[in-house]
Amino acid sequence: MDNTLMSLYDYLGKAAGMKLGKEVHIVAMNNKVPYGTRQVSNPKYEGLVMLYPKWFLDSYFKKENNDELPF
């Protein structure tokens, strides 16, 4: 299980947007998935971003294809 913490931007390679970010965070909280934050500052966004374990993001985005989470 890869516990490397990643932002949605790191994982997807593009900005995820507020809606997807909120959906991912709700699933993480409901499943007691540990998460962290990182302060970022760039021309498009300044503020905190959420960080999730890579295994969780792998599971979450696999779920989008299969409609099930493995936890």
N, C-alpha and C. Protein backbone atom coordinates (compact mmCIF):
# COMPACT_ATOMS: atom_id res chain seq x y z
N MET A 1 0.85 -1.18 0.00
CA MET A 1 0.00 0.00 0.00
C MET A 1 0.90 1.24 0.00
N ASP A 2 0.71 2.13 -0.96
CA ASP A 2 1.54 3.32 -1.10
C ASP A 2 0.94 4.47 -0.29
N ASN A 3 1.60 4.84 0.81
CA ASN A 3 1.11 5.90 1.69
C ASN A 3 1.62 7.29 1.30
N THR A 4 2.26 7.41 0.13
CA THR A 4 2.73 8.71 -0.32
C THR A 4 1.55 9.66 -0.42
N LEU A 5 1.66 10.84 0.21
CA LEU A 5 0.57 11.82 0.16
C LEU A 5 0.69 12.64 -1.12
N MET A 6 -0.43 12.78 -1.81
CA MET A 6 -0.47 13.50 -3.08
C MET A 6 -1.70 14.40 -3.13
N SER A 7 -1.56 15.53 -3.79
CA SER A 7 -2.73 16.36 -4.06
C SER A 7 -3.45 15.79 -5.28
N LEU A 8 -4.67 16.23 -5.48
CA LEU A 8 -5.38 15.80 -6.69
C LEU A 8 -4.65 16.30 -7.93
N TYR A 9 -4.05 17.48 -7.86
CA TYR A 9 -3.29 18.01 -9.00
C TYR A 9 -2.10 17.10 -9.30
N ASP A 10 -1.38 16.69 -8.24
CA ASP A 10 -0.24 15.79 -8.43
C ASP A 10 -0.70 14.48 -9.07
N TYR A 11 -1.81 13.96 -8.58
CA TYR A 11 -2.30 12.66 -9.03
C TYR A 11 -2.86 12.71 -10.46
N LEU A 12 -3.67 13.72 -10.74
CA LEU A 12 -4.36 13.79 -12.03
C LEU A 12 -3.54 14.51 -13.11
N GLY A 13 -2.57 15.30 -12.69
CA GLY A 13 -1.79 16.07 -13.64
C GLY A 13 -2.49 17.30 -14.15
N LYS A 14 -3.58 17.68 -13.50
CA LYS A 14 -4.32 18.89 -13.86
C LYS A 14 -5.17 19.30 -12.67
N ALA A 15 -5.65 20.51 -12.69
CA ALA A 15 -6.50 20.99 -11.60
C ALA A 15 -7.79 20.18 -11.55
N ALA A 16 -8.18 19.79 -10.35
CA ALA A 16 -9.38 18.95 -10.19
C ALA A 16 -10.65 19.78 -10.06
N GLY A 17 -10.53 20.97 -9.52
CA GLY A 17 -11.70 21.81 -9.31
C GLY A 17 -12.33 21.57 -7.95
N MET A 18 -13.14 22.52 -7.53
CA MET A 18 -13.76 22.48 -6.20
C MET A 18 -14.73 21.31 -6.04
N LYS A 19 -15.54 21.04 -7.05
CA LYS A 19 -16.55 20.00 -6.93
C LYS A 19 -15.92 18.63 -6.71
N LEU A 20 -14.98 18.25 -7.55
CA LEU A 20 -14.32 16.95 -7.40
C LEU A 20 -13.52 16.92 -6.09
N GLY A 21 -12.85 18.01 -5.76
CA GLY A 21 -12.09 18.07 -4.52
C GLY A 21 -12.97 17.81 -3.31
N LYS A 22 -14.15 18.40 -3.30
CA LYS A 22 -15.08 18.20 -2.19
C LYS A 22 -15.57 16.76 -2.14
N GLU A 23 -15.89 16.18 -3.29
CA GLU A 23 -16.36 14.79 -3.35
C GLU A 23 -15.30 13.83 -2.81
N VAL A 24 -14.05 14.02 -3.23
CA VAL A 24 -12.96 13.16 -2.77
C VAL A 24 -12.78 13.32 -1.26
N HIS A 25 -12.82 14.54 -0.77
CA HIS A 25 -12.63 14.79 0.67
C HIS A 25 -13.74 14.14 1.50
N ILE A 26 -14.96 14.22 1.05
CA ILE A 26 -16.08 13.61 1.78
C ILE A 26 -15.89 12.10 1.87
N VAL A 27 -15.51 11.46 0.78
CA VAL A 27 -15.27 10.01 0.79
C VAL A 27 -14.12 9.68 1.73
N ALA A 28 -13.05 10.48 1.69
CA ALA A 28 -11.91 10.25 2.58
C ALA A 28 -12.34 10.36 4.05
N MET A 29 -13.07 11.39 4.38
CA MET A 29 -13.52 11.57 5.76
C MET A 29 -14.45 10.44 6.20
N ASN A 30 -15.39 10.08 5.36
CA ASN A 30 -16.35 9.02 5.71
C ASN A 30 -15.68 7.67 5.92
N ASN A 31 -14.53 7.47 5.27
CA ASN A 31 -13.79 6.20 5.39
C ASN A 31 -12.57 6.32 6.31
N LYS A 32 -12.50 7.45 7.03
CA LYS A 32 -11.40 7.69 7.99
C LYS A 32 -10.02 7.54 7.37
N VAL A 33 -9.89 8.00 6.13
CA VAL A 33 -8.61 7.98 5.43
C VAL A 33 -7.78 9.16 5.93
N PRO A 34 -6.54 8.92 6.37
CA PRO A 34 -5.71 10.03 6.83
C PRO A 34 -5.37 10.96 5.67
N TYR A 35 -5.32 12.25 5.95
CA TYR A 35 -5.00 13.21 4.91
C TYR A 35 -4.17 14.33 5.51
N GLY A 36 -3.56 15.11 4.68
CA GLY A 36 -2.76 16.24 5.11
C GLY A 36 -3.07 17.44 4.25
N THR A 37 -2.30 18.50 4.43
CA THR A 37 -2.47 19.71 3.63
C THR A 37 -1.10 20.23 3.22
N ARG A 38 -1.12 21.05 2.18
CA ARG A 38 0.10 21.71 1.72
C ARG A 38 -0.29 23.12 1.28
N GLN A 39 0.51 24.10 1.63
CA GLN A 39 0.31 25.47 1.18
C GLN A 39 0.91 25.60 -0.21
N VAL A 40 0.15 26.13 -1.15
CA VAL A 40 0.67 26.36 -2.50
C VAL A 40 0.44 27.82 -2.89
N SER A 41 1.29 28.30 -3.76
CA SER A 41 1.14 29.65 -4.28
C SER A 41 1.66 29.64 -5.71
N ASN A 42 0.75 29.87 -6.65
CA ASN A 42 1.14 29.96 -8.05
C ASN A 42 0.21 30.98 -8.71
N PRO A 43 0.42 31.31 -9.97
CA PRO A 43 -0.41 32.34 -10.61
C PRO A 43 -1.91 32.01 -10.63
N LYS A 44 -2.28 30.73 -10.57
CA LYS A 44 -3.70 30.36 -10.67
C LYS A 44 -4.37 30.11 -9.33
N TYR A 45 -3.58 29.77 -8.28
CA TYR A 45 -4.19 29.43 -6.99
C TYR A 45 -3.22 29.69 -5.85
N GLU A 46 -3.74 30.23 -4.77
CA GLU A 46 -2.96 30.40 -3.56
C GLU A 46 -3.81 29.93 -2.39
N GLY A 47 -3.28 29.03 -1.61
CA GLY A 47 -4.00 28.53 -0.45
C GLY A 47 -3.60 27.10 -0.12
N LEU A 48 -4.40 26.46 0.71
CA LEU A 48 -4.14 25.08 1.11
C LEU A 48 -4.75 24.10 0.11
N VAL A 49 -4.04 23.02 -0.14
CA VAL A 49 -4.59 21.91 -0.92
C VAL A 49 -4.55 20.67 -0.03
N MET A 50 -5.50 19.80 -0.23
CA MET A 50 -5.58 18.56 0.54
C MET A 50 -4.65 17.53 -0.09
N LEU A 51 -4.08 16.68 0.76
CA LEU A 51 -3.20 15.59 0.32
C LEU A 51 -3.77 14.28 0.82
N TYR A 52 -3.81 13.29 -0.06
CA TYR A 52 -4.38 11.98 0.27
C TYR A 52 -3.36 10.89 -0.07
N PRO A 53 -3.41 9.75 0.62
CA PRO A 53 -2.51 8.65 0.27
C PRO A 53 -2.76 8.18 -1.17
N LYS A 54 -1.68 7.82 -1.87
CA LYS A 54 -1.82 7.38 -3.25
C LYS A 54 -2.75 6.18 -3.35
N TRP A 55 -2.70 5.24 -2.39
CA TRP A 55 -3.57 4.06 -2.46
C TRP A 55 -5.04 4.46 -2.44
N PHE A 56 -5.36 5.51 -1.67
CA PHE A 56 -6.75 5.98 -1.61
C PHE A 56 -7.16 6.59 -2.95
N LEU A 57 -6.30 7.41 -3.53
CA LEU A 57 -6.63 8.02 -4.82
C LEU A 57 -6.75 6.96 -5.91
N ASP A 58 -5.85 5.96 -5.88
CA ASP A 58 -5.98 4.86 -6.83
C ASP A 58 -7.34 4.19 -6.69
N SER A 59 -7.73 3.93 -5.45
CA SER A 59 -9.02 3.27 -5.19
C SER A 59 -10.19 4.16 -5.60
N TYR A 60 -10.11 5.44 -5.26
CA TYR A 60 -11.19 6.37 -5.57
C TYR A 60 -11.42 6.46 -7.08
N PHE A 61 -10.37 6.64 -7.84
CA PHE A 61 -10.54 6.81 -9.27
C PHE A 61 -10.82 5.50 -9.98
N LYS A 62 -10.44 4.39 -9.41
CA LYS A 62 -10.86 3.08 -9.94
C LYS A 62 -12.36 2.92 -9.70
N LYS A 63 -12.85 3.39 -8.54
CA LYS A 63 -14.26 3.35 -8.20
C LYS A 63 -15.10 4.07 -9.24
N GLU A 64 -14.59 5.17 -9.75
CA GLU A 64 -15.35 5.92 -10.76
C GLU A 64 -15.66 5.04 -11.97
N ASN A 65 -14.78 4.08 -12.24
CA ASN A 65 -15.00 3.17 -13.36
C ASN A 65 -15.84 1.97 -12.96
N ASN A 66 -15.72 1.53 -11.69
CA ASN A 66 -16.39 0.31 -11.24
C ASN A 66 -17.53 0.55 -10.25
N ASP A 67 -17.72 1.80 -9.78
CA ASP A 67 -18.74 2.14 -8.81
C ASP A 67 -18.61 1.42 -7.47
N GLU A 68 -17.42 0.96 -7.11
CA GLU A 68 -17.20 0.38 -5.78
C GLU A 68 -15.85 0.79 -5.26
N LEU A 69 -15.78 1.04 -3.97
CA LEU A 69 -14.50 1.26 -3.32
C LEU A 69 -14.11 -0.04 -2.64
N PRO A 70 -12.84 -0.38 -2.65
CA PRO A 70 -12.42 -1.64 -2.04
C PRO A 70 -12.27 -1.58 -0.53
N PHE A 71 -12.73 -0.51 0.12
CA PHE A 71 -12.66 -0.43 1.59
C PHE A 71 -13.99 -0.01 2.14
